Amino acid sequence: MKRWVRVAAIGISGIAALIGAACLTVGCSTLGYYAQSVGGHLDLVARAKPIDELAADPAAPAALRERLALAARIRDFAVSDLGLPDNRSYRRYSDLGRPAAVWNVVAAPELSLKLETWCFPVVGCVGYRGYYERAAADAQGEQLRARGLEVNVYGVPAYSTLGKLDWLGGDPLLNTFIGWPEGELARLVFHELAHQVVFAKDDTVFNESFATAVERIGVQRWLAQRAGDEARRQYAQLDARRNAFRALTGRYRDKLQTLYASRAGDADKRRDKAALMAALRADYAALKADPGSPLAGFTGYDGWFERANNASFGVMAAYNEFVPGFERLFEREGRDFSRFYAAVERLSALPKAERHATLAAP
């Protein structure tokens, strides 16, 4: 999956033992997992340096200094214009020497899009398990495949500690995303900071849809008010591709969901599932070959479609399902971020089913 079609993680493993015996992400089921979690995050923090110092250091690469200066402007905009937290997050920079902050593992049954979940005291149940080393993520994936589950292992460029570790320096900017196009960099920073505003335990769909709504609203404001023509053009192209990807995969996710919920026998479901996956890949190839499509000639999604399975589709829903509901709420609150966040906070206090019903209502 291309870097800007990412799945960001809330409270990725690495925080657990530092704030009490509660894991802020997935899977602290063994001492070994605790160890890699704490060790991985402490390593990330130990590498961090203040971005104002790096941006002013003539020994630092010029390209990096330029990106850090841009990130600092985006960070200040997040506070002044979007009402996001004014704390230590994204005011330092870490070079991890690897292409992802963590690798997430997600899994789903052969004939369902319902993700395997792991449950913990602080966040409740979440549908992914994160590792700081790819080999450990792959090993976990193999264990899940051995149980007959379909598995997806993917790199995550950033994660949020929900503002819980501001005393430790907060969440730093990382080499895994600092070089992204301007609009994509802004999206990520706004998204991760939004997780520090409101968090509902045991409700990944609510949390991720809220952060996605904030990132979309925020990046449009950034582009309109602070970005140049080239950044706006680049973002428009990337967003068109992203929307085409979402439209195509969303249609097939709905078809798979309908199939799995039907009364057909398992053999028929397997047959029809194979036909749908073949049709999905054929439609993608057709879009790539269509000169009028945003995906014409683009290869960035090839890996996703090659590996697409129930786990891939299952994880997608969390980031988009309630975005329209949050966007409607933002409009109802007069496009005022303070009022919007207060309304979301009130929603988060409702029973899960009630908050979902409220967001799903037109």
Protein backbone atom coordinates (compact mmCIF):
# COMPACT_ATOMS: atom_id res chain seq x y z
CA MET A 1 0.00 0.00 0.00
CA LYS A 2 1.33 3.42 -0.89
CA ARG A 3 2.59 5.45 2.02
CA TRP A 4 -0.21 8.02 1.89
CA VAL A 5 -2.87 5.29 1.97
CA ARG A 6 -1.90 4.40 5.43
CA VAL A 7 -3.44 2.95 8.45
CA ALA A 8 -2.36 4.93 11.43
CA ALA A 9 -2.42 3.22 14.81
CA ILE A 10 -3.75 4.51 18.09
CA GLY A 11 -1.45 4.04 21.06
CA ILE A 12 0.88 1.60 19.38
CA SER A 13 2.65 -0.81 21.63
CA GLY A 14 5.55 0.78 23.40
CA ILE A 15 3.69 2.66 26.11
CA ALA A 16 2.22 -0.13 28.18
CA ALA A 17 4.34 -0.58 31.28
CA LEU A 18 5.26 3.09 31.36
CA ILE A 19 1.77 4.28 32.39
CA GLY A 20 0.60 1.41 34.52
CA ALA A 21 -0.03 -2.15 33.55
CA ALA A 22 -2.31 -1.18 30.70
CA CYS A 23 -1.39 -1.43 27.07
CA LEU A 24 -2.28 1.50 24.83
CA THR A 25 -2.40 -0.71 21.79
CA VAL A 26 -2.69 -4.31 20.84
CA GLY A 27 -1.53 -7.49 22.25
CA CYS A 28 0.32 -7.30 25.59
CA SER A 29 -0.47 -10.96 26.22
CA THR A 30 3.09 -12.06 27.00
CA LEU A 31 6.12 -10.67 28.75
CA GLY A 32 7.96 -10.80 25.43
CA TYR A 33 5.37 -8.56 23.85
CA TYR A 34 5.61 -6.11 26.75
CA ALA A 35 9.36 -6.04 26.37
CA GLN A 36 9.38 -5.28 22.65
CA SER A 37 6.65 -2.70 23.19
CA VAL A 38 8.42 -0.72 25.88
CA GLY A 39 11.85 -1.15 24.33
CA GLY A 40 10.65 -0.10 20.88
CA HIS A 41 9.01 3.08 22.09
CA LEU A 42 11.89 4.05 24.37
CA ASP A 43 14.27 3.67 21.43
CA LEU A 44 12.05 5.94 19.35
CA VAL A 45 12.00 8.56 22.09
CA ALA A 46 15.75 8.32 22.75
CA ARG A 47 16.50 9.17 19.11
CA ALA A 48 14.37 12.32 19.15
CA LYS A 49 15.95 15.78 18.83
CA PRO A 50 14.20 19.19 18.93
CA ILE A 51 13.22 20.23 15.42
CA ASP A 52 14.10 23.88 15.97
CA GLU A 53 17.67 22.85 16.74
CA LEU A 54 17.90 20.52 13.75
CA ALA A 55 16.29 23.07 11.42
CA ALA A 56 18.94 25.62 12.42
CA ASP A 57 21.88 23.18 12.31
CA PRO A 58 23.95 23.79 9.14
CA ALA A 59 25.39 20.28 9.49
CA ALA A 60 21.96 18.74 9.00
CA PRO A 61 20.95 17.94 5.39
CA ALA A 62 19.33 20.93 3.72
CA ALA A 63 16.34 18.87 2.57
CA LEU A 64 15.69 17.66 6.10
CA ARG A 65 15.98 21.17 7.55
CA GLU A 66 13.45 22.40 5.00
CA ARG A 67 10.99 19.62 5.84
CA LEU A 68 11.35 20.19 9.57
CA ALA A 69 10.68 23.89 9.12
CA LEU A 70 7.53 23.01 7.16
CA ALA A 71 6.49 20.54 9.85
CA ALA A 72 6.92 23.24 12.49
CA ARG A 73 4.59 25.56 10.56
CA ILE A 74 2.04 22.75 10.19
CA ARG A 75 2.29 22.01 13.92
CA ASP A 76 1.68 25.65 14.85
CA PHE A 77 -1.27 25.78 12.43
CA ALA A 78 -2.76 22.73 14.14
CA VAL A 79 -2.93 24.73 17.37
CA SER A 80 -3.86 28.17 16.06
CA ASP A 81 -6.41 27.20 13.43
CA LEU A 82 -7.64 23.70 14.32
CA GLY A 83 -7.64 23.91 18.11
CA LEU A 84 -5.50 20.79 18.44
CA PRO A 85 -3.35 20.23 21.55
CA ASP A 86 -0.44 22.61 22.17
CA ASN A 87 2.02 20.17 23.72
CA ARG A 88 5.38 18.54 22.94
CA SER A 89 4.14 16.14 20.26
CA TYR A 90 5.63 16.64 16.77
CA ARG A 91 8.13 19.21 18.00
CA ARG A 92 11.01 16.72 17.92
CA TYR A 93 12.35 14.44 15.20
CA SER A 94 13.55 10.81 15.24
CA ASP A 95 15.33 8.94 12.48
CA LEU A 96 14.54 5.28 13.11
CA GLY A 97 16.65 3.94 10.27
CA ARG A 98 13.75 1.83 9.01
CA PRO A 99 10.77 2.40 6.68
CA ALA A 100 7.99 2.02 9.29
CA ALA A 101 7.45 2.99 12.90
CA VAL A 102 5.80 -0.37 13.56
CA TRP A 103 4.26 -3.22 11.63
CA ASN A 104 0.64 -4.06 12.33
CA VAL A 105 -0.90 -7.50 12.02
CA VAL A 106 -4.60 -7.86 11.26
CA ALA A 107 -6.55 -11.06 10.68
CA ALA A 108 -10.05 -12.14 9.69
CA PRO A 109 -11.84 -15.46 9.07
CA GLU A 110 -12.13 -16.97 5.60
CA LEU A 111 -15.78 -15.98 5.22
CA SER A 112 -16.05 -12.81 7.30
CA LEU A 113 -14.70 -9.28 7.45
CA LYS A 114 -14.79 -9.23 11.25
CA LEU A 115 -11.27 -8.66 12.50
CA GLU A 116 -9.60 -10.71 15.19
CA THR A 117 -9.39 -8.53 18.31
CA TRP A 118 -7.21 -8.20 21.39
CA CYS A 119 -8.64 -6.55 24.51
CA PHE A 120 -6.90 -4.41 27.13
CA PRO A 121 -7.89 -2.20 30.06
CA VAL A 122 -7.29 1.26 28.58
CA VAL A 123 -8.36 1.02 24.95
CA GLY A 124 -10.69 -1.96 25.20
CA CYS A 125 -10.73 -4.26 22.18
CA VAL A 126 -8.75 -3.37 19.07
CA GLY A 127 -8.39 -5.18 15.78
CA TYR A 128 -4.64 -5.11 15.27
CA ARG A 129 -1.40 -6.07 16.97
CA GLY A 130 1.73 -3.96 16.52
CA TYR A 131 5.43 -4.83 16.44
CA TYR A 132 8.57 -2.74 16.17
CA GLU A 133 10.32 -5.45 14.15
CA ARG A 134 8.97 -6.81 10.87
CA ALA A 135 10.17 -10.35 11.66
CA ALA A 136 8.11 -10.45 14.86
CA ALA A 137 5.03 -9.21 12.98
CA ASP A 138 5.51 -11.87 10.31
CA ALA A 139 5.87 -14.56 12.98
CA GLN A 140 2.60 -13.47 14.58
CA GLY A 141 0.99 -13.50 11.16
CA GLU A 142 2.07 -17.09 10.60
CA GLN A 143 0.54 -18.14 13.92
CA LEU A 144 -2.76 -16.58 12.90
CA ARG A 145 -2.64 -18.22 9.45
CA ALA A 146 -2.11 -21.55 11.18
CA ARG A 147 -5.52 -21.02 12.78
CA GLY A 148 -7.10 -20.65 9.33
CA LEU A 149 -7.32 -16.85 9.38
CA GLU A 150 -6.53 -14.52 6.52
CA VAL A 151 -3.74 -12.14 7.53
CA ASN A 152 -2.34 -8.79 6.47
CA VAL A 153 0.94 -7.37 7.78
CA TYR A 154 1.61 -3.74 6.92
CA GLY A 155 3.94 -0.96 7.92
CA VAL A 156 2.59 1.97 9.95
CA PRO A 157 4.41 5.29 9.51
CA ALA A 158 3.22 6.86 12.77
CA TYR A 159 1.16 6.29 15.89
CA SER A 160 -0.36 8.26 18.72
CA THR A 161 0.24 7.80 22.44
CA LEU A 162 -2.98 9.76 23.05
CA GLY A 163 -1.11 12.58 24.76
CA LYS A 164 -0.29 10.31 27.72
CA LEU A 165 3.46 10.60 27.28
CA ASP A 166 3.92 14.34 26.90
CA TRP A 167 6.20 14.17 29.95
CA LEU A 168 8.47 11.88 27.92
CA GLY A 169 8.58 14.27 24.97
CA GLY A 170 5.33 13.38 23.23
CA ASP A 171 5.10 11.77 19.81
CA PRO A 172 7.98 12.81 17.52
CA LEU A 173 8.10 13.43 13.82
CA LEU A 174 9.71 10.43 12.12
CA ASN A 175 11.83 9.70 9.07
CA THR A 176 9.02 7.36 8.00
CA PHE A 177 6.85 10.29 6.89
CA ILE A 178 8.84 13.55 7.08
CA GLY A 179 9.50 13.44 3.32
CA TRP A 180 5.84 13.06 2.33
CA PRO A 181 4.22 15.67 0.08
CA GLU A 182 3.12 18.76 2.00
CA GLY A 183 -0.59 17.96 2.12
CA GLU A 184 0.06 14.36 3.17
CA LEU A 185 2.39 15.47 5.94
CA ALA A 186 -0.25 17.89 7.22
CA ARG A 187 -2.92 15.17 7.09
CA LEU A 188 -0.88 12.81 9.21
CA VAL A 189 0.00 15.39 11.87
CA PHE A 190 -3.62 16.55 12.15
CA HIS A 191 -4.88 12.95 12.31
CA GLU A 192 -2.54 11.84 15.07
CA LEU A 193 -3.10 14.98 17.15
CA ALA A 194 -6.87 14.46 16.88
CA HIS A 195 -6.46 11.21 18.80
CA GLN A 196 -5.28 13.31 21.74
CA VAL A 197 -8.52 15.33 21.76
CA VAL A 198 -11.13 12.58 22.16
CA PHE A 199 -10.72 8.85 22.68
CA ALA A 200 -13.53 6.36 23.25
CA LYS A 201 -12.47 3.09 24.81
CA ASP A 202 -13.23 -0.04 22.82
CA ASP A 203 -14.36 1.86 19.71
CA THR A 204 -11.73 1.94 16.97
CA VAL A 205 -14.26 2.92 14.31
CA PHE A 206 -15.36 5.99 16.27
CA ASN A 207 -11.81 7.05 17.10
CA GLU A 208 -10.36 6.60 13.64
CA SER A 209 -13.33 8.11 11.82
CA PHE A 210 -13.11 11.19 14.06
CA ALA A 211 -9.37 11.61 13.42
CA THR A 212 -9.90 11.11 9.68
CA ALA A 213 -12.60 13.79 9.65
CA VAL A 214 -10.27 16.22 11.45
CA GLU A 215 -7.44 15.49 9.02
CA ARG A 216 -9.68 16.08 5.99
CA ILE A 217 -11.12 19.33 7.29
CA GLY A 218 -7.73 20.47 8.52
CA VAL A 219 -5.79 19.78 5.36
CA GLN A 220 -8.31 21.68 3.25
CA ARG A 221 -7.82 24.71 5.51
CA TRP A 222 -4.05 24.35 5.38
CA LEU A 223 -3.98 24.11 1.60
CA ALA A 224 -6.35 27.05 1.17
CA GLN A 225 -4.58 29.35 3.61
CA ARG A 226 -0.91 28.37 3.78
CA ALA A 227 0.13 26.21 0.83
CA GLY A 228 1.34 27.15 -2.62
CA ASP A 229 -0.11 26.20 -5.99
CA GLU A 230 2.23 23.23 -6.46
CA ALA A 231 1.32 21.74 -3.09
CA ARG A 232 -2.39 22.14 -3.87
CA ARG A 233 -1.95 20.56 -7.29
CA GLN A 234 0.01 17.64 -5.85
CA TYR A 235 -2.53 17.07 -3.11
CA ALA A 236 -5.43 17.17 -5.58
CA GLN A 237 -3.77 14.45 -7.65
CA LEU A 238 -3.04 12.25 -4.64
CA ASP A 239 -6.51 12.76 -3.21
CA ALA A 240 -8.14 11.86 -6.53
CA ARG A 241 -6.18 8.60 -6.54
CA ARG A 242 -7.10 7.94 -2.92
CA ASN A 243 -10.78 8.55 -3.61
CA ALA A 244 -10.72 6.27 -6.65
CA PHE A 245 -9.09 3.57 -4.52
CA ARG A 246 -11.69 4.00 -1.77
CA ALA A 247 -14.57 3.95 -4.22
CA LEU A 248 -13.41 0.73 -5.88
CA THR A 249 -12.50 -1.12 -2.71
CA GLY A 250 -15.59 0.18 -0.90
CA ARG A 251 -17.87 -1.33 -3.57
CA TYR A 252 -16.23 -4.72 -3.27
CA ARG A 253 -16.14 -4.57 0.50
CA ASP A 254 -19.93 -4.10 0.45
CA LYS A 255 -20.32 -7.00 -1.97
CA LEU A 256 -18.22 -9.28 0.22
CA GLN A 257 -20.12 -8.22 3.31
CA THR A 258 -23.43 -9.02 1.60
CA LEU A 259 -22.12 -12.38 0.44
CA TYR A 260 -20.87 -13.41 3.87
CA ALA A 261 -24.16 -12.38 5.50
CA SER A 262 -26.22 -14.37 3.00
CA ARG A 263 -27.76 -17.78 3.57
CA ALA A 264 -25.60 -19.41 0.91
CA GLY A 265 -23.59 -22.44 1.90
CA ASP A 266 -19.88 -22.15 2.59
CA ALA A 267 -18.94 -23.81 -0.69
CA ASP A 268 -21.02 -21.29 -2.64
CA LYS A 269 -19.59 -18.44 -0.62
CA ARG A 270 -16.05 -19.56 -1.39
CA ARG A 271 -16.85 -19.78 -5.09
CA ASP A 272 -18.50 -16.35 -5.18
CA LYS A 273 -15.75 -14.83 -3.07
CA ALA A 274 -13.13 -16.01 -5.55
CA ALA A 275 -15.17 -14.51 -8.39
CA LEU A 276 -15.46 -11.18 -6.56
CA MET A 277 -11.74 -11.01 -5.87
CA ALA A 278 -10.99 -11.74 -9.51
CA ALA A 279 -13.44 -9.06 -10.60
CA LEU A 280 -11.87 -6.60 -8.15
CA ARG A 281 -8.44 -7.07 -9.65
CA ALA A 282 -9.83 -6.87 -13.18
CA ASP A 283 -11.58 -3.59 -12.38
CA TYR A 284 -8.39 -2.21 -10.90
CA ALA A 285 -6.43 -3.17 -14.01
CA ALA A 286 -9.07 -1.48 -16.15
CA LEU A 287 -8.80 1.75 -14.14
CA LYS A 288 -5.02 1.72 -14.51
CA ALA A 289 -5.42 1.34 -18.26
CA ASP A 290 -8.05 4.08 -18.56
CA PRO A 291 -6.36 7.40 -19.46
CA GLY A 292 -9.28 9.30 -17.91
CA SER A 293 -8.94 7.61 -14.51
CA PRO A 294 -6.95 9.12 -11.60
CA LEU A 295 -5.31 5.70 -11.36
CA ALA A 296 -4.10 5.66 -14.98
CA GLY A 297 -0.57 4.27 -15.09
CA PHE A 298 -0.26 4.40 -11.29
CA THR A 299 1.36 1.38 -9.64
CA GLY A 300 1.27 2.47 -5.99
CA TYR A 301 -1.69 0.27 -5.10
CA ASP A 302 -0.50 -2.84 -6.93
CA GLY A 303 0.76 -4.54 -3.78
CA TRP A 304 -2.51 -3.95 -1.96
CA PHE A 305 -4.56 -5.57 -4.71
CA GLU A 306 -2.15 -8.48 -5.06
CA ARG A 307 -2.46 -9.27 -1.35
CA ALA A 308 -6.08 -8.21 -0.80
CA ASN A 309 -8.05 -10.49 1.49
CA ASN A 310 -10.68 -10.28 4.22
CA ALA A 311 -8.20 -8.79 6.69
CA SER A 312 -7.34 -6.03 4.20
CA PHE A 313 -11.00 -5.13 3.75
CA GLY A 314 -11.82 -5.49 7.42
CA VAL A 315 -9.28 -2.92 8.56
CA MET A 316 -10.40 -0.33 6.01
CA ALA A 317 -13.82 0.29 7.56
CA ALA A 318 -12.43 1.71 10.80
CA TYR A 319 -11.02 4.78 9.12
CA ASN A 320 -13.96 5.87 7.03
CA GLU A 321 -17.30 4.52 8.26
CA PHE A 322 -18.40 7.50 10.36
CA VAL A 323 -16.45 10.27 8.63
CA PRO A 324 -19.59 11.69 6.93
CA GLY A 325 -21.34 11.77 10.32
CA PHE A 326 -18.47 13.70 11.90
CA GLU A 327 -18.37 16.10 8.96
CA ARG A 328 -22.09 16.76 9.35
CA LEU A 329 -21.55 17.37 13.07
CA PHE A 330 -18.79 19.88 12.27
CA GLU A 331 -21.19 21.79 10.02
CA ARG A 332 -23.94 21.72 12.67
CA GLU A 333 -21.49 23.19 15.18
CA GLY A 334 -20.91 26.16 12.89
CA ARG A 335 -17.54 24.89 11.66
CA ASP A 336 -16.15 25.89 15.05
CA PHE A 337 -13.53 23.43 16.27
CA SER A 338 -14.02 24.09 19.98
CA ARG A 339 -17.74 23.41 19.73
CA PHE A 340 -17.12 20.43 17.46
CA TYR A 341 -14.66 18.81 19.86
CA ALA A 342 -17.04 19.39 22.77
CA ALA A 343 -19.84 17.72 20.81
CA VAL A 344 -17.60 14.77 19.97
CA GLU A 345 -16.62 14.47 23.62
CA ARG A 346 -20.30 14.28 24.55
CA LEU A 347 -20.82 11.61 21.90
CA SER A 348 -17.92 9.59 23.26
CA ALA A 349 -19.66 9.44 26.65
CA LEU A 350 -22.73 7.75 25.17
CA PRO A 351 -23.12 3.96 25.00
CA LYS A 352 -21.33 2.63 21.93
CA ALA A 353 -24.49 1.63 20.06
CA GLU A 354 -26.07 5.03 20.68
CA ARG A 355 -23.06 7.01 19.48
CA HIS A 356 -22.85 4.86 16.35
CA ALA A 357 -26.56 5.37 15.63
CA THR A 358 -26.18 9.13 16.08
CA LEU A 359 -23.28 9.31 13.62
CA ALA A 360 -25.04 7.08 11.10
CA ALA A 361 -28.19 9.22 11.08
CA PRO A 362 -28.44 11.65 8.13
